[in-house]
């Protein structure tokens, strides 16, 4: 069993857990961030639905679904990363979006 067969499932679970944590446990923080950045509640809800859907798709064994979820999450994380750069947040605030974007690309390539 090679390194990726061991580490990829762990990274997929961590990605799922982090998205669920942020969008369910820390939802008030998301509400505040979207207000701070001037984004609408409809956009916030759409992003939440897409992120949750994407991390569920990534857990699938079907490579097409994994690639779809990975591409979607990578796009969303790129948008988040750009938003953090645009508003000049400190690095610590956009590190999670950058990390999840990198994980998504890894999942896509290895699906």
N, C-alpha and C. Protein backbone atom coordinates (compact mmCIF):
# COMPACT_ATOMS: atom_id res chain seq x y z
N UNK A 1 0.85 -1.18 0.00
CA UNK A 1 0.00 0.00 0.00
C UNK A 1 0.89 1.24 0.00
N UNK A 2 0.68 2.12 -0.96
CA UNK A 2 1.53 3.30 -1.05
C UNK A 2 1.02 4.44 -0.16
N UNK A 3 1.82 5.46 -0.08
CA UNK A 3 1.56 6.60 0.79
C UNK A 3 0.21 7.24 0.52
N UNK A 4 -0.13 7.44 -0.75
CA UNK A 4 -1.39 8.12 -1.09
C UNK A 4 -2.61 7.29 -0.72
N UNK A 5 -2.50 5.97 -0.77
CA UNK A 5 -3.63 5.13 -0.37
C UNK A 5 -3.91 5.22 1.12
N UNK A 6 -2.91 5.61 1.88
CA UNK A 6 -3.08 5.77 3.32
C UNK A 6 -3.52 7.20 3.65
N UNK A 7 -2.84 8.18 3.07
CA UNK A 7 -3.04 9.58 3.46
C UNK A 7 -4.29 10.21 2.83
N UNK A 8 -4.62 9.86 1.58
CA UNK A 8 -5.76 10.50 0.92
C UNK A 8 -7.08 10.30 1.66
N UNK A 9 -7.41 9.08 2.10
CA UNK A 9 -8.67 8.94 2.86
C UNK A 9 -8.69 9.78 4.14
N UNK A 10 -7.54 9.90 4.78
CA UNK A 10 -7.46 10.72 6.00
C UNK A 10 -7.70 12.19 5.67
N UNK A 11 -7.07 12.66 4.59
CA UNK A 11 -7.25 14.06 4.18
C UNK A 11 -8.70 14.32 3.75
N UNK A 12 -9.33 13.34 3.11
CA UNK A 12 -10.73 13.50 2.71
C UNK A 12 -11.64 13.64 3.93
N UNK A 13 -11.39 12.84 4.95
CA UNK A 13 -12.19 12.92 6.18
C UNK A 13 -11.93 14.25 6.89
N UNK A 14 -10.68 14.68 6.94
CA UNK A 14 -10.36 15.97 7.56
C UNK A 14 -11.03 17.12 6.81
N UNK A 15 -11.06 17.04 5.50
CA UNK A 15 -11.72 18.06 4.69
C UNK A 15 -13.21 18.09 4.98
N UNK A 16 -13.83 16.93 5.01
CA UNK A 16 -15.26 16.82 5.34
C UNK A 16 -15.53 17.39 6.73
N UNK A 17 -14.72 16.99 7.69
CA UNK A 17 -14.93 17.44 9.08
C UNK A 17 -14.74 18.95 9.20
N UNK A 18 -13.76 19.49 8.52
CA UNK A 18 -13.52 20.94 8.64
C UNK A 18 -14.65 21.75 8.02
N UNK A 19 -15.16 21.31 6.87
CA UNK A 19 -16.27 22.03 6.24
C UNK A 19 -17.53 21.92 7.10
N UNK A 20 -17.80 20.72 7.61
CA UNK A 20 -18.97 20.56 8.48
C UNK A 20 -18.83 21.39 9.75
N UNK A 21 -17.63 21.42 10.33
CA UNK A 21 -17.40 22.20 11.54
C UNK A 21 -17.69 23.68 11.30
N UNK A 22 -17.14 24.21 10.22
CA UNK A 22 -17.30 25.63 9.92
C UNK A 22 -18.74 25.97 9.58
N UNK A 23 -19.40 25.13 8.78
CA UNK A 23 -20.73 25.47 8.29
C UNK A 23 -21.86 25.04 9.21
N UNK A 24 -21.57 24.25 10.25
CA UNK A 24 -22.61 23.87 11.21
C UNK A 24 -22.30 24.37 12.61
N UNK A 25 -21.13 24.11 13.11
CA UNK A 25 -20.76 24.50 14.48
C UNK A 25 -20.44 26.00 14.55
N UNK A 26 -19.68 26.50 13.58
CA UNK A 26 -19.24 27.89 13.59
C UNK A 26 -20.01 28.75 12.58
N UNK A 27 -21.26 28.41 12.34
CA UNK A 27 -22.05 29.09 11.31
C UNK A 27 -22.16 30.59 11.55
N UNK A 28 -22.28 31.00 12.81
CA UNK A 28 -22.37 32.44 13.11
C UNK A 28 -21.14 33.19 12.61
N UNK A 29 -20.00 32.56 12.66
CA UNK A 29 -18.78 33.16 12.14
C UNK A 29 -18.88 33.37 10.63
N UNK A 30 -19.47 32.41 9.94
CA UNK A 30 -19.68 32.52 8.49
C UNK A 30 -20.63 33.68 8.19
N UNK A 31 -21.70 33.78 8.97
CA UNK A 31 -22.66 34.87 8.78
C UNK A 31 -21.94 36.22 8.92
N UNK A 32 -21.13 36.35 9.97
CA UNK A 32 -20.40 37.59 10.21
C UNK A 32 -19.41 37.89 9.09
N UNK A 33 -18.68 36.86 8.62
CA UNK A 33 -17.70 37.07 7.55
C UNK A 33 -18.38 37.53 6.26
N UNK A 34 -19.46 36.89 5.89
CA UNK A 34 -20.12 37.27 4.65
C UNK A 34 -20.66 38.70 4.74
N UNK A 35 -21.16 39.09 5.91
CA UNK A 35 -21.60 40.48 6.10
C UNK A 35 -20.42 41.43 5.99
N UNK A 36 -19.31 41.08 6.65
CA UNK A 36 -18.11 41.92 6.65
C UNK A 36 -17.59 42.13 5.23
N UNK A 37 -17.67 41.10 4.40
CA UNK A 37 -17.17 41.20 3.03
C UNK A 37 -18.19 41.78 2.07
N UNK A 38 -19.40 42.05 2.54
CA UNK A 38 -20.43 42.64 1.70
C UNK A 38 -21.13 41.65 0.78
N UNK A 39 -21.06 40.37 1.11
CA UNK A 39 -21.73 39.35 0.31
C UNK A 39 -23.13 39.09 0.85
N UNK A 40 -24.03 38.73 -0.03
CA UNK A 40 -25.43 38.53 0.35
C UNK A 40 -25.63 37.20 1.08
N UNK A 41 -26.75 37.14 1.80
CA UNK A 41 -27.09 35.90 2.50
C UNK A 41 -27.43 34.80 1.50
N UNK A 42 -27.95 35.16 0.34
CA UNK A 42 -28.24 34.15 -0.68
C UNK A 42 -26.94 33.53 -1.21
N UNK A 43 -25.94 34.36 -1.42
CA UNK A 43 -24.64 33.84 -1.85
C UNK A 43 -24.05 32.95 -0.75
N UNK A 44 -24.16 33.38 0.49
CA UNK A 44 -23.66 32.60 1.62
C UNK A 44 -24.32 31.22 1.64
N UNK A 45 -25.63 31.20 1.49
CA UNK A 45 -26.35 29.92 1.51
C UNK A 45 -25.95 29.04 0.33
N UNK A 46 -25.80 29.63 -0.84
CA UNK A 46 -25.38 28.88 -2.02
C UNK A 46 -23.98 28.28 -1.81
N UNK A 47 -23.07 29.10 -1.31
CA UNK A 47 -21.71 28.62 -1.05
C UNK A 47 -21.74 27.47 -0.04
N UNK A 48 -22.53 27.61 1.01
CA UNK A 48 -22.64 26.55 2.00
C UNK A 48 -23.16 25.25 1.40
N UNK A 49 -24.20 25.34 0.60
CA UNK A 49 -24.76 24.15 -0.05
C UNK A 49 -23.72 23.51 -0.97
N UNK A 50 -23.02 24.33 -1.74
CA UNK A 50 -22.02 23.80 -2.67
C UNK A 50 -20.84 23.18 -1.93
N UNK A 51 -20.40 23.79 -0.84
CA UNK A 51 -19.27 23.23 -0.09
C UNK A 51 -19.65 21.90 0.55
N UNK A 52 -20.81 21.85 1.16
CA UNK A 52 -21.25 20.61 1.81
C UNK A 52 -21.43 19.51 0.76
N UNK A 53 -22.03 19.86 -0.37
CA UNK A 53 -22.20 18.89 -1.45
C UNK A 53 -20.85 18.40 -1.96
N UNK A 54 -19.92 19.32 -2.14
CA UNK A 54 -18.62 18.93 -2.70
C UNK A 54 -17.86 17.99 -1.78
N UNK A 55 -17.87 18.24 -0.46
CA UNK A 55 -17.13 17.34 0.43
C UNK A 55 -17.79 15.98 0.54
N UNK A 56 -19.10 15.92 0.36
CA UNK A 56 -19.78 14.63 0.34
C UNK A 56 -19.40 13.87 -0.94
N UNK A 57 -19.37 14.57 -2.06
CA UNK A 57 -18.97 13.93 -3.33
C UNK A 57 -17.53 13.40 -3.26
N UNK A 58 -16.66 14.12 -2.60
CA UNK A 58 -15.26 13.72 -2.48
C UNK A 58 -15.11 12.39 -1.75
N UNK A 59 -16.06 12.07 -0.87
CA UNK A 59 -15.99 10.83 -0.09
C UNK A 59 -16.38 9.60 -0.92
N UNK A 60 -16.91 9.81 -2.11
CA UNK A 60 -17.42 8.73 -2.94
C UNK A 60 -16.28 7.90 -3.54
N UNK A 61 -16.58 6.69 -3.95
CA UNK A 61 -15.58 5.84 -4.61
C UNK A 61 -15.60 6.01 -6.13
N UNK A 62 -16.62 6.68 -6.66
CA UNK A 62 -16.71 6.93 -8.09
C UNK A 62 -15.79 8.08 -8.47
N UNK A 63 -14.78 7.83 -9.31
CA UNK A 63 -13.82 8.89 -9.67
C UNK A 63 -14.46 10.14 -10.28
N UNK A 64 -15.54 9.97 -11.05
CA UNK A 64 -16.19 11.12 -11.66
C UNK A 64 -16.80 12.03 -10.59
N UNK A 65 -17.44 11.41 -9.59
CA UNK A 65 -18.01 12.20 -8.50
C UNK A 65 -16.93 12.86 -7.66
N UNK A 66 -15.83 12.14 -7.42
CA UNK A 66 -14.71 12.72 -6.66
C UNK A 66 -14.12 13.90 -7.42
N UNK A 67 -13.94 13.75 -8.73
CA UNK A 67 -13.39 14.86 -9.53
C UNK A 67 -14.36 16.05 -9.53
N UNK A 68 -15.65 15.78 -9.64
CA UNK A 68 -16.65 16.85 -9.63
C UNK A 68 -16.61 17.61 -8.29
N UNK A 69 -16.65 16.87 -7.19
CA UNK A 69 -16.60 17.49 -5.87
C UNK A 69 -15.30 18.23 -5.64
N UNK A 70 -14.20 17.65 -6.07
CA UNK A 70 -12.88 18.26 -5.90
C UNK A 70 -12.76 19.56 -6.68
N UNK A 71 -13.21 19.53 -7.93
CA UNK A 71 -13.14 20.73 -8.77
C UNK A 71 -14.02 21.84 -8.18
N UNK A 72 -15.19 21.47 -7.74
CA UNK A 72 -16.10 22.45 -7.14
C UNK A 72 -15.50 23.06 -5.88
N UNK A 73 -14.97 22.21 -5.01
CA UNK A 73 -14.38 22.73 -3.77
C UNK A 73 -13.14 23.56 -4.06
N UNK A 74 -12.32 23.13 -5.01
CA UNK A 74 -11.12 23.91 -5.37
C UNK A 74 -11.52 25.31 -5.86
N UNK A 75 -12.56 25.38 -6.69
CA UNK A 75 -13.05 26.67 -7.18
C UNK A 75 -13.54 27.55 -6.02
N UNK A 76 -14.33 26.97 -5.12
CA UNK A 76 -14.85 27.73 -3.98
C UNK A 76 -13.71 28.22 -3.07
N UNK A 77 -12.72 27.37 -2.87
CA UNK A 77 -11.60 27.74 -2.01
C UNK A 77 -10.72 28.79 -2.68
N UNK A 78 -10.60 28.73 -4.00
CA UNK A 78 -9.88 29.77 -4.72
C UNK A 78 -10.60 31.11 -4.56
N UNK A 79 -11.92 31.10 -4.67
CA UNK A 79 -12.71 32.33 -4.48
C UNK A 79 -12.53 32.86 -3.06
N UNK A 80 -12.54 31.97 -2.07
CA UNK A 80 -12.34 32.39 -0.68
C UNK A 80 -10.95 32.97 -0.50
N UNK A 81 -9.96 32.31 -1.07
CA UNK A 81 -8.57 32.77 -0.98
C UNK A 81 -8.43 34.17 -1.58
N UNK A 82 -9.02 34.36 -2.75
CA UNK A 82 -8.96 35.67 -3.42
C UNK A 82 -9.67 36.73 -2.57
N UNK A 83 -10.80 36.37 -1.98
CA UNK A 83 -11.51 37.32 -1.11
C UNK A 83 -10.63 37.73 0.06
N UNK A 84 -9.99 36.77 0.70
CA UNK A 84 -9.12 37.09 1.84
C UNK A 84 -7.95 37.99 1.40
N UNK A 85 -7.39 37.73 0.23
CA UNK A 85 -6.32 38.59 -0.28
C UNK A 85 -6.83 39.99 -0.58
N UNK A 86 -8.01 40.04 -1.20
CA UNK A 86 -8.60 41.32 -1.61
C UNK A 86 -8.85 42.24 -0.42
N UNK A 87 -9.32 41.68 0.70
CA UNK A 87 -9.61 42.50 1.87
C UNK A 87 -8.40 42.62 2.80
N UNK A 88 -7.28 42.04 2.34
CA UNK A 88 -6.00 42.15 3.07
C UNK A 88 -6.05 41.54 4.47
N UNK A 89 -6.69 40.38 4.57
CA UNK A 89 -6.69 39.65 5.83
C UNK A 89 -5.29 39.12 6.13
N UNK A 90 -4.98 38.90 7.39
CA UNK A 90 -3.68 38.29 7.71
C UNK A 90 -3.61 36.86 7.17
N UNK A 91 -2.42 36.38 6.94
CA UNK A 91 -2.20 35.06 6.35
C UNK A 91 -2.95 33.97 7.10
N UNK A 92 -2.98 34.04 8.41
CA UNK A 92 -3.63 33.02 9.21
C UNK A 92 -5.10 32.85 8.85
N UNK A 93 -5.74 33.91 8.35
CA UNK A 93 -7.16 33.83 8.00
C UNK A 93 -7.42 33.19 6.64
N UNK A 94 -6.43 33.25 5.73
CA UNK A 94 -6.69 32.59 4.45
C UNK A 94 -5.91 31.29 4.28
N UNK A 95 -5.18 30.89 5.30
CA UNK A 95 -4.48 29.61 5.26
C UNK A 95 -5.44 28.42 5.13
N UNK A 96 -6.58 28.40 5.85
CA UNK A 96 -7.50 27.26 5.68
C UNK A 96 -8.04 27.13 4.25
N UNK A 97 -8.41 28.23 3.62
CA UNK A 97 -8.93 28.13 2.24
C UNK A 97 -7.84 27.67 1.28
N UNK A 98 -6.63 28.14 1.48
CA UNK A 98 -5.52 27.72 0.63
C UNK A 98 -5.23 26.23 0.82
N UNK A 99 -5.25 25.78 2.07
CA UNK A 99 -5.00 24.37 2.37
C UNK A 99 -6.06 23.47 1.75
N UNK A 100 -7.34 23.84 1.93
CA UNK A 100 -8.41 23.03 1.34
C UNK A 100 -8.37 23.06 -0.19
N UNK A 101 -7.95 24.16 -0.76
CA UNK A 101 -7.80 24.23 -2.21
C UNK A 101 -6.72 23.24 -2.66
N UNK A 102 -5.60 23.21 -1.95
CA UNK A 102 -4.53 22.27 -2.28
C UNK A 102 -4.98 20.82 -2.11
N UNK A 103 -5.69 20.53 -1.04
CA UNK A 103 -6.24 19.18 -0.84
C UNK A 103 -7.17 18.81 -1.99
N UNK A 104 -8.02 19.74 -2.40
CA UNK A 104 -8.97 19.48 -3.49
C UNK A 104 -8.26 19.14 -4.78
N UNK A 105 -7.21 19.85 -5.06
CA UNK A 105 -6.42 19.58 -6.27
C UNK A 105 -5.78 18.19 -6.17
N UNK A 106 -5.29 17.86 -5.00
CA UNK A 106 -4.72 16.53 -4.75
C UNK A 106 -5.76 15.43 -4.96
N UNK A 107 -6.97 15.64 -4.44
CA UNK A 107 -8.05 14.67 -4.62
C UNK A 107 -8.41 14.51 -6.10
N UNK A 108 -8.45 15.64 -6.80
CA UNK A 108 -8.81 15.63 -8.23
C UNK A 108 -7.79 14.82 -9.02
N UNK A 109 -6.53 15.10 -8.79
CA UNK A 109 -5.44 14.45 -9.53
C UNK A 109 -5.39 12.95 -9.24
N UNK A 110 -5.73 12.58 -8.02
CA UNK A 110 -5.62 11.18 -7.61
C UNK A 110 -6.94 10.41 -7.65
N UNK A 111 -7.97 10.99 -8.26
CA UNK A 111 -9.28 10.30 -8.32
C UNK A 111 -9.24 9.16 -9.33
